[in-house]
PDB file of N, CA and C in Angstrom:
ATOM      1  N   UNK A   1      66.654  51.936 -26.065  1.00  0.00           N
ATOM      2  CA  UNK A   1      65.827  52.613 -27.043  1.00  0.00           C
ATOM      3  C   UNK A   1      64.652  53.267 -26.335  1.00  0.00           C
ATOM      4  N   UNK A   2      64.127  54.324 -26.954  1.00  0.00           N
ATOM      5  CA  UNK A   2      63.095  55.074 -26.262  1.00  0.00           C
ATOM      6  C   UNK A   2      62.177  55.816 -27.226  1.00  0.00           C
ATOM      7  N   UNK A   3      60.901  55.887 -26.862  1.00  0.00           N
ATOM      8  CA  UNK A   3      59.940  56.671 -27.631  1.00  0.00           C
ATOM      9  C   UNK A   3      60.108  58.172 -27.421  1.00  0.00           C
ATOM     10  N   UNK A   4      60.844  58.578 -26.391  1.00  0.00           N
ATOM     11  CA  UNK A   4      61.003  60.013 -26.115  1.00  0.00           C
ATOM     12  C   UNK A   4      62.173  60.643 -26.877  1.00  0.00           C
ATOM     13  N   UNK A   5      62.727  59.919 -27.849  1.00  0.00           N
ATOM     14  CA  UNK A   5      63.780  60.411 -28.753  1.00  0.00           C
ATOM     15  C   UNK A   5      65.135  60.575 -28.072  1.00  0.00           C
ATOM     16  N   UNK A   6      65.322  59.946 -26.918  1.00  0.00           N
ATOM     17  CA  UNK A   6      66.587  60.079 -26.186  1.00  0.00           C
ATOM     18  C   UNK A   6      67.225  58.717 -25.949  1.00  0.00           C
ATOM     19  N   UNK A   7      68.491  58.788 -25.557  1.00  0.00           N
ATOM     20  CA  UNK A   7      69.232  57.628 -25.066  1.00  0.00           C
ATOM     21  C   UNK A   7      69.708  57.986 -23.670  1.00  0.00           C
ATOM     22  N   UNK A   8      69.471  57.133 -22.722  1.00  0.00           N
ATOM     23  CA  UNK A   8      69.937  57.379 -21.355  1.00  0.00           C
ATOM     24  C   UNK A   8      71.089  56.429 -21.042  1.00  0.00           C
ATOM     25  N   UNK A   9      72.143  56.995 -20.458  1.00  0.00           N
ATOM     26  CA  UNK A   9      73.292  56.209 -20.013  1.00  0.00           C
ATOM     27  C   UNK A   9      73.182  56.064 -18.498  1.00  0.00           C
ATOM     28  N   UNK A  10      73.283  54.824 -18.030  1.00  0.00           N
ATOM     29  CA  UNK A  10      73.122  54.524 -16.603  1.00  0.00           C
ATOM     30  C   UNK A  10      74.398  53.916 -16.038  1.00  0.00           C
ATOM     31  N   UNK A  11      74.682  54.197 -14.789  1.00  0.00           N
ATOM     32  CA  UNK A  11      75.759  53.546 -14.049  1.00  0.00           C
ATOM     33  C   UNK A  11      75.163  52.281 -13.435  1.00  0.00           C
ATOM     34  N   UNK A  12      75.636  51.134 -13.873  1.00  0.00           N
ATOM     35  CA  UNK A  12      75.056  49.862 -13.424  1.00  0.00           C
ATOM     36  C   UNK A  12      75.286  49.607 -11.931  1.00  0.00           C
ATOM     37  N   UNK A  13      76.384  50.094 -11.394  1.00  0.00           N
ATOM     38  CA  UNK A  13      76.676  49.872  -9.969  1.00  0.00           C
ATOM     39  C   UNK A  13      75.780  50.715  -9.073  1.00  0.00           C
ATOM     40  N   UNK A  14      75.652  52.003  -9.400  1.00  0.00           N
ATOM     41  CA  UNK A  14      74.879  52.905  -8.537  1.00  0.00           C
ATOM     42  C   UNK A  14      73.408  52.986  -8.935  1.00  0.00           C
ATOM     43  N   UNK A  15      73.097  52.466 -10.131  1.00  0.00           N
ATOM     44  CA  UNK A  15      71.739  52.530 -10.676  1.00  0.00           C
ATOM     45  C   UNK A  15      71.264  53.979 -10.857  1.00  0.00           C
ATOM     46  N   UNK A  16      72.210  54.871 -11.107  1.00  0.00           N
ATOM     47  CA  UNK A  16      71.919  56.284 -11.318  1.00  0.00           C
ATOM     48  C   UNK A  16      72.124  56.642 -12.791  1.00  0.00           C
ATOM     49  N   UNK A  17      71.298  57.569 -13.268  1.00  0.00           N
ATOM     50  CA  UNK A  17      71.455  58.059 -14.623  1.00  0.00           C
ATOM     51  C   UNK A  17      72.708  58.922 -14.710  1.00  0.00           C
ATOM     52  N   UNK A  18      73.540  58.651 -15.715  1.00  0.00           N
ATOM     53  CA  UNK A  18      74.770  59.417 -15.931  1.00  0.00           C
ATOM     54  C   UNK A  18      74.486  60.613 -16.832  1.00  0.00           C
ATOM     55  N   UNK A  19      73.787  60.378 -17.944  1.00  0.00           N
ATOM     56  CA  UNK A  19      73.447  61.464 -18.852  1.00  0.00           C
ATOM     57  C   UNK A  19      72.333  61.036 -19.797  1.00  0.00           C
ATOM     58  N   UNK A  20      71.725  62.023 -20.433  1.00  0.00           N
ATOM     59  CA  UNK A  20      70.709  61.788 -21.453  1.00  0.00           C
ATOM     60  C   UNK A  20      71.210  62.363 -22.759  1.00  0.00           C
ATOM     61  N   UNK A  21      71.191  61.546 -23.799  1.00  0.00           N
ATOM     62  CA  UNK A  21      71.661  61.957 -25.122  1.00  0.00           C
ATOM     63  C   UNK A  21      70.459  62.378 -25.953  1.00  0.00           C
ATOM     64  N   UNK A  22      70.481  63.619 -26.411  1.00  0.00           N
ATOM     65  CA  UNK A  22      69.359  64.179 -27.172  1.00  0.00           C
ATOM     66  C   UNK A  22      69.838  64.607 -28.556  1.00  0.00           C
ATOM     67  N   UNK A  23      69.044  64.316 -29.572  1.00  0.00           N
ATOM     68  CA  UNK A  23      69.401  64.745 -30.918  1.00  0.00           C
ATOM     69  C   UNK A  23      68.552  64.118 -32.006  1.00  0.00           C
ATOM     70  N   UNK A  24      67.883  63.010 -31.707  1.00  0.00           N
ATOM     71  CA  UNK A  24      67.023  62.374 -32.696  1.00  0.00           C
ATOM     72  C   UNK A  24      65.680  63.092 -32.772  1.00  0.00           C
ATOM     73  N   UNK A  25      65.071  63.084 -33.959  1.00  0.00           N
ATOM     74  CA  UNK A  25      63.758  63.688 -34.159  1.00  0.00           C
ATOM     75  C   UNK A  25      62.632  62.669 -34.024  1.00  0.00           C
ATOM     76  N   UNK A  26      62.974  61.399 -33.983  1.00  0.00           N
ATOM     77  CA  UNK A  26      61.987  60.322 -33.840  1.00  0.00           C
ATOM     78  C   UNK A  26      62.467  59.357 -32.763  1.00  0.00           C
ATOM     79  N   UNK A  27      61.640  58.380 -32.473  1.00  0.00           N
ATOM     80  CA  UNK A  27      62.010  57.420 -31.426  1.00  0.00           C
ATOM     81  C   UNK A  27      63.322  56.718 -31.755  1.00  0.00           C
ATOM     82  N   UNK A  28      64.023  56.328 -30.716  1.00  0.00           N
ATOM     83  CA  UNK A  28      65.278  55.593 -30.846  1.00  0.00           C
ATOM     84  C   UNK A  28      64.937  54.104 -30.807  1.00  0.00           C
ATOM     85  N   UNK A  29      65.303  53.396 -31.856  1.00  0.00           N
ATOM     86  CA  UNK A  29      64.942  51.989 -31.990  1.00  0.00           C
ATOM     87  C   UNK A  29      66.015  51.032 -31.497  1.00  0.00           C
ATOM     88  N   UNK A  30      67.271  51.466 -31.495  1.00  0.00           N
ATOM     89  CA  UNK A  30      68.353  50.555 -31.155  1.00  0.00           C
ATOM     90  C   UNK A  30      69.571  51.337 -30.678  1.00  0.00           C
ATOM     91  N   UNK A  31      70.299  50.775 -29.737  1.00  0.00           N
ATOM     92  CA  UNK A  31      71.563  51.363 -29.280  1.00  0.00           C
ATOM     93  C   UNK A  31      72.601  50.268 -29.145  1.00  0.00           C
ATOM     94  N   UNK A  32      73.873  50.643 -29.290  1.00  0.00           N
ATOM     95  CA  UNK A  32      74.974  49.693 -29.127  1.00  0.00           C
ATOM     96  C   UNK A  32      76.217  50.432 -28.664  1.00  0.00           C
ATOM     97  N   UNK A  33      76.927  49.838 -27.711  1.00  0.00           N
ATOM     98  CA  UNK A  33      78.210  50.371 -27.263  1.00  0.00           C
ATOM     99  C   UNK A  33      79.318  49.880 -28.179  1.00  0.00           C
ATOM    100  N   UNK A  34      80.312  50.734 -28.402  1.00  0.00           N
ATOM    101  CA  UNK A  34      81.504  50.321 -29.135  1.00  0.00           C
ATOM    102  C   UNK A  34      82.252  49.287 -28.297  1.00  0.00           C
ATOM    103  N   UNK A  35      83.114  48.478 -28.907  1.00  0.00           N
ATOM    104  CA  UNK A  35      83.846  47.451 -28.147  1.00  0.00           C
ATOM    105  C   UNK A  35      84.655  48.010 -26.977  1.00  0.00           C
ATOM    106  N   UNK A  36      85.148  49.247 -27.089  1.00  0.00           N
ATOM    107  CA  UNK A  36      85.917  49.851 -25.998  1.00  0.00           C
ATOM    108  C   UNK A  36      85.041  50.644 -25.024  1.00  0.00           C
ATOM    109  N   UNK A  37      83.732  50.653 -25.260  1.00  0.00           N
ATOM    110  CA  UNK A  37      82.735  51.344 -24.423  1.00  0.00           C
ATOM    111  C   UNK A  37      82.888  52.861 -24.392  1.00  0.00           C
ATOM    112  N   UNK A  38      83.629  53.422 -25.332  1.00  0.00           N
ATOM    113  CA  UNK A  38      83.811  54.875 -25.373  1.00  0.00           C
ATOM    114  C   UNK A  38      82.712  55.577 -26.161  1.00  0.00           C
ATOM    115  N   UNK A  39      82.023  54.839 -27.031  1.00  0.00           N
ATOM    116  CA  UNK A  39      81.011  55.425 -27.896  1.00  0.00           C
ATOM    117  C   UNK A  39      79.729  54.606 -27.863  1.00  0.00           C
ATOM    118  N   UNK A  40      78.630  55.287 -28.159  1.00  0.00           N
ATOM    119  CA  UNK A  40      77.334  54.639 -28.318  1.00  0.00           C
ATOM    120  C   UNK A  40      76.794  55.023 -29.687  1.00  0.00           C
ATOM    121  N   UNK A  41      76.258  54.054 -30.398  1.00  0.00           N
ATOM    122  CA  UNK A  41      75.549  54.314 -31.646  1.00  0.00           C
ATOM    123  C   UNK A  41      74.063  54.157 -31.368  1.00  0.00           C
ATOM    124  N   UNK A  42      73.265  55.058 -31.931  1.00  0.00           N
ATOM    125  CA  UNK A  42      71.816  54.969 -31.766  1.00  0.00           C
ATOM    126  C   UNK A  42      71.147  55.114 -33.128  1.00  0.00           C
ATOM    127  N   UNK A  43      70.152  54.267 -33.376  1.00  0.00           N
ATOM    128  CA  UNK A  43      69.421  54.287 -34.637  1.00  0.00           C
ATOM    129  C   UNK A  43      67.992  54.731 -34.408  1.00  0.00           C
ATOM    130  N   UNK A  44      67.470  55.546 -35.324  1.00  0.00           N
ATOM    131  CA  UNK A  44      66.176  56.183 -35.111  1.00  0.00           C
ATOM    132  C   UNK A  44      65.284  56.095 -36.343  1.00  0.00           C
ATOM    133  N   UNK A  45      64.017  56.415 -36.118  1.00  0.00           N
ATOM    134  CA  UNK A  45      63.054  56.519 -37.202  1.00  0.00           C
ATOM    135  C   UNK A  45      61.765  55.802 -36.877  1.00  0.00           C
ATOM    136  N   UNK A  46      60.680  56.275 -37.485  1.00  0.00           N
ATOM    137  CA  UNK A  46      59.404  55.583 -37.402  1.00  0.00           C
ATOM    138  C   UNK A  46      58.579  55.909 -38.630  1.00  0.00           C
ATOM    139  N   UNK A  47      57.379  55.407 -38.678  1.00  0.00           N
ATOM    140  CA  UNK A  47      56.537  55.567 -39.858  1.00  0.00           C
ATOM    141  C   UNK A  47      56.092  57.010 -40.042  1.00  0.00           C
ATOM    142  N   UNK A  48      55.901  57.738 -38.962  1.00  0.00           N
ATOM    143  CA  UNK A  48      55.293  59.068 -39.034  1.00  0.00           C
ATOM    144  C   UNK A  48      56.287  60.222 -39.075  1.00  0.00           C
ATOM    145  N   UNK A  49      57.469  60.042 -38.495  1.00  0.00           N
ATOM    146  CA  UNK A  49      58.463  61.119 -38.429  1.00  0.00           C
ATOM    147  C   UNK A  49      59.717  60.681 -39.177  1.00  0.00           C
ATOM    148  N   UNK A  50      60.151  61.503 -40.120  1.00  0.00           N
ATOM    149  CA  UNK A  50      61.336  61.169 -40.904  1.00  0.00           C
ATOM    150  C   UNK A  50      62.588  61.504 -40.105  1.00  0.00           C
ATOM    151  N   UNK A  51      63.273  60.489 -39.638  1.00  0.00           N
ATOM    152  CA  UNK A  51      64.577  60.622 -38.973  1.00  0.00           C
ATOM    153  C   UNK A  51      65.273  59.283 -39.101  1.00  0.00           C
ATOM    154  N   UNK A  52      65.619  58.945 -40.302  1.00  0.00           N
ATOM    155  CA  UNK A  52      66.289  57.662 -40.552  1.00  0.00           C
ATOM    156  C   UNK A  52      67.789  57.864 -40.387  1.00  0.00           C
ATOM    157  N   UNK A  53      68.220  57.998 -39.116  1.00  0.00           N
ATOM    158  CA  UNK A  53      69.619  58.344 -38.857  1.00  0.00           C
ATOM    159  C   UNK A  53      70.256  57.411 -37.846  1.00  0.00           C
ATOM    160  N   UNK A  54      71.583  57.402 -37.888  1.00  0.00           N
ATOM    161  CA  UNK A  54      72.403  56.746 -36.870  1.00  0.00           C
ATOM    162  C   UNK A  54      73.294  57.827 -36.288  1.00  0.00           C
ATOM    163  N   UNK A  55      73.221  58.015 -34.980  1.00  0.00           N
ATOM    164  CA  UNK A  55      74.078  58.997 -34.320  1.00  0.00           C
ATOM    165  C   UNK A  55      75.129  58.270 -33.495  1.00  0.00           C
ATOM    166  N   UNK A  56      76.323  58.822 -33.490  1.00  0.00           N
ATOM    167  CA  UNK A  56      77.428  58.308 -32.689  1.00  0.00           C
ATOM    168  C   UNK A  56      77.692  59.310 -31.579  1.00  0.00           C
ATOM    169  N   UNK A  57      77.771  58.816 -30.354  1.00  0.00           N
ATOM    170  CA  UNK A  57      77.910  59.664 -29.167  1.00  0.00           C
ATOM    171  C   UNK A  57      79.173  59.302 -28.399  1.00  0.00           C
ATOM    172  N   UNK A  58      79.816  60.314 -27.827  1.00  0.00           N
ATOM    173  CA  UNK A  58      80.947  60.127 -26.918  1.00  0.00           C
ATOM    174  C   UNK A  58      80.369  59.924 -25.522  1.00  0.00           C
ATOM    175  N   UNK A  59      80.582  58.755 -24.934  1.00  0.00           N
ATOM    176  CA  UNK A  59      79.992  58.432 -23.635  1.00  0.00           C
ATOM    177  C   UNK A  59      80.550  59.324 -22.530  1.00  0.00           C
ATOM    178  N   UNK A  60      81.825  59.682 -22.598  1.00  0.00           N
ATOM    179  CA  UNK A  60      82.447  60.457 -21.522  1.00  0.00           C
ATOM    180  C   UNK A  60      81.929  61.895 -21.454  1.00  0.00           C
ATOM    181  N   UNK A  61      81.538  62.453 -22.610  1.00  0.00           N
ATOM    182  CA  UNK A  61      81.081  63.842 -22.629  1.00  0.00           C
ATOM    183  C   UNK A  61      79.572  63.974 -22.871  1.00  0.00           C
ATOM    184  N   UNK A  62      78.949  62.932 -23.424  1.00  0.00           N
ATOM    185  CA  UNK A  62      77.541  63.009 -23.786  1.00  0.00           C
ATOM    186  C   UNK A  62      77.300  63.775 -25.068  1.00  0.00           C
ATOM    187  N   UNK A  63      78.363  64.123 -25.774  1.00  0.00           N
ATOM    188  CA  UNK A  63      78.255  64.910 -27.002  1.00  0.00           C
ATOM    189  C   UNK A  63      78.096  64.008 -28.226  1.00  0.00           C
ATOM    190  N   UNK A  64      77.342  64.506 -29.197  1.00  0.00           N
ATOM    191  CA  UNK A  64      77.207  63.807 -30.469  1.00  0.00           C
ATOM    192  C   UNK A  64      78.500  63.971 -31.260  1.00  0.00           C
ATOM    193  N   UNK A  65      79.082  62.867 -31.706  1.00  0.00           N
ATOM    194  CA  UNK A  65      80.297  62.895 -32.516  1.00  0.00           C
ATOM    195  C   UNK A  65      79.928  63.129 -33.978  1.00  0.00           C
ATOM    196  N   UNK A  66      78.924  62.407 -34.456  1.00  0.00           N
ATOM    197  CA  UNK A  66      78.429  62.592 -35.815  1.00  0.00           C
ATOM    198  C   UNK A  66      77.054  61.957 -35.936  1.00  0.00           C
ATOM    199  N   UNK A  67      76.344  62.365 -36.966  1.00  0.00           N
ATOM    200  CA  UNK A  67      75.030  61.792 -37.253  1.00  0.00           C
ATOM    201  C   UNK A  67      75.027  61.370 -38.716  1.00  0.00           C
ATOM    202  N   UNK A  68      74.789  60.100 -38.946  1.00  0.00           N
ATOM    203  CA  UNK A  68      74.822  59.526 -40.288  1.00  0.00           C
ATOM    204  C   UNK A  68      73.400  59.485 -40.836  1.00  0.00           C
ATOM    205  N   UNK A  69      73.172  60.196 -41.917  1.00  0.00           N
ATOM    206  CA  UNK A  69      71.842  60.268 -42.510  1.00  0.00           C
ATOM    207  C   UNK A  69      71.888  59.656 -43.906  1.00  0.00           C
ATOM    208  N   UNK A  70      70.729  59.479 -44.486  1.00  0.00           N
ATOM    209  CA  UNK A  70      70.682  58.969 -45.850  1.00  0.00           C
ATOM    210  C   UNK A  70      69.963  57.644 -45.987  1.00  0.00           C
ATOM    211  N   UNK A  71      69.581  57.041 -44.878  1.00  0.00           N
ATOM    212  CA  UNK A  71      68.793  55.817 -44.974  1.00  0.00           C
ATOM    213  C   UNK A  71      67.425  56.155 -45.553  1.00  0.00           C
ATOM    214  N   UNK A  72      66.860  55.255 -46.334  1.00  0.00           N
ATOM    215  CA  UNK A  72      65.558  55.514 -46.938  1.00  0.00           C
ATOM    216  C   UNK A  72      64.404  55.023 -46.071  1.00  0.00           C
ATOM    217  N   UNK A  73      64.698  54.286 -45.037  1.00  0.00           N
ATOM    218  CA  UNK A  73      63.685  53.786 -44.103  1.00  0.00           C
ATOM    219  C   UNK A  73      64.236  53.930 -42.687  1.00  0.00           C
ATOM    220  N   UNK A  74      63.378  53.701 -41.702  1.00  0.00           N
ATOM    221  CA  UNK A  74      63.806  53.810 -40.305  1.00  0.00           C
ATOM    222  C   UNK A  74      64.930  52.825 -40.006  1.00  0.00           C
ATOM    223  N   UNK A  75      65.786  53.206 -39.087  1.00  0.00           N
ATOM    224  CA  UNK A  75      66.901  52.353 -38.656  1.00  0.00           C
ATOM    225  C   UNK A  75      66.399  51.537 -37.464  1.00  0.00           C
ATOM    226  N   UNK A  76      66.402  50.221 -37.615  1.00  0.00           N
ATOM    227  CA  UNK A  76      65.850  49.360 -36.564  1.00  0.00           C
ATOM    228  C   UNK A  76      66.912  48.633 -35.760  1.00  0.00           C
ATOM    229  N   UNK A  77      68.162  48.642 -36.218  1.00  0.00           N
ATOM    230  CA  UNK A  77      69.215  47.945 -35.476  1.00  0.00           C
ATOM    231  C   UNK A  77      70.578  48.565 -35.791  1.00  0.00           C
ATOM    232  N   UNK A  78      71.384  48.735 -34.753  1.00  0.00           N
ATOM    233  CA  UNK A  78      72.777  49.168 -34.916  1.00  0.00           C
ATOM    234  C   UNK A  78      73.675  48.200 -34.178  1.00  0.00           C
ATOM    235  N   UNK A  79      74.910  48.067 -34.635  1.00  0.00           N
ATOM    236  CA  UNK A  79      75.885  47.176 -33.991  1.00  0.00           C
ATOM    237  C   UNK A  79      77.279  47.624 -34.373  1.00  0.00           C
ATOM    238  N   UNK A  80      78.236  47.312 -33.512  1.00  0.00           N
ATOM    239  CA  UNK A  80      79.642  47.574 -33.819  1.00  0.00           C
ATOM    240  C   UNK A  80      80.286  46.287 -34.261  1.00  0.00           C
TER     241      UNK A  80
END
């Protein structure tokens, strides 16, 4: 999770950044990998900026698959 509105994917072996996922309008509060590690879900929102969304990302491409909106408050936790 990050205050800069991004999610960073890291290679644990090389300790190098693989990609940065951009698309949230507010800080990212929570991230979770899918059981097969092909996707990442990220939840966003804060008191000052309206972005109560969950975005699903393809880890291999870094592309947003979909963004789920409609929460009435910030998203503080995501899980698969």
